[in-house]
Amino acid sequence: MSSLADREKKLLLQVARQALALAAHTGGVLANFPDNEALSQSGGAFVTFRKRTKLRGCIGQMPSDIPLVHVVAHCSKAAALEDPRFHPVQADEVAEIDIELSVLSALEDIAADQIEIETGRHGLMISRGWQRGVLLPQVAVEFQWTAERFLEETCVKAGFERAAWKDPETRIQVFTAEVFSESSLGIGKQ
């Protein structure tokens, strides 16, 4: 997906906020979406919730043929109710949550012997068989990881040994993410 205009970013954040509020209040699924050509294109995204700067939920979906706006709504509901690391978001928490979206590029395979990972720019998906681990580009920056440490931590997330990325049976894919949030765009929470 190409770069989104601020208008599309704000629309996606509004969809994520509506899906969050609906999920927290009734457990319902958002059914009405803005009519916008750019947001109707297929894509992948991660929806991250922060409450007072602390992680409160994060769920994503890798790029597929599903329209981006639907992916964001689905992931927002899932982050609110289904992130196994947290209790479901309660209705009284919704106003305290800042929403961050990471809109993903297509995945690109890289060979273990030709790895050129730029921390802060690339996210990683490491897989073998049915197991996989995904870390967003901003994670490496947040923890100040080197490219090798980023590979190792993604392997751990997948349930592999730290050095599994060196195994020829392990698939390594990179992607980029366009990251923006309500706070970065100066959007007030409804």
Foldseek 3Di string as FASTA:
>chain_A
DDDDDPVVVVQLQVLLLVLLLCCQPPNDADDDHDPDPQQQAWFKKKKWKDFVNHTQFIDIDGTDRGGNSNRSSVNSSCRQPPRVVHHHHHNVCSQRIKIKMWTKDHKDWDALVDDDDDQLFKWKWKDADPFIFTDASVVCVVVVHDPLQNQQVRCVRRVHHSPCSNPRRMIMIIIGIDMDICVRSVHHRD
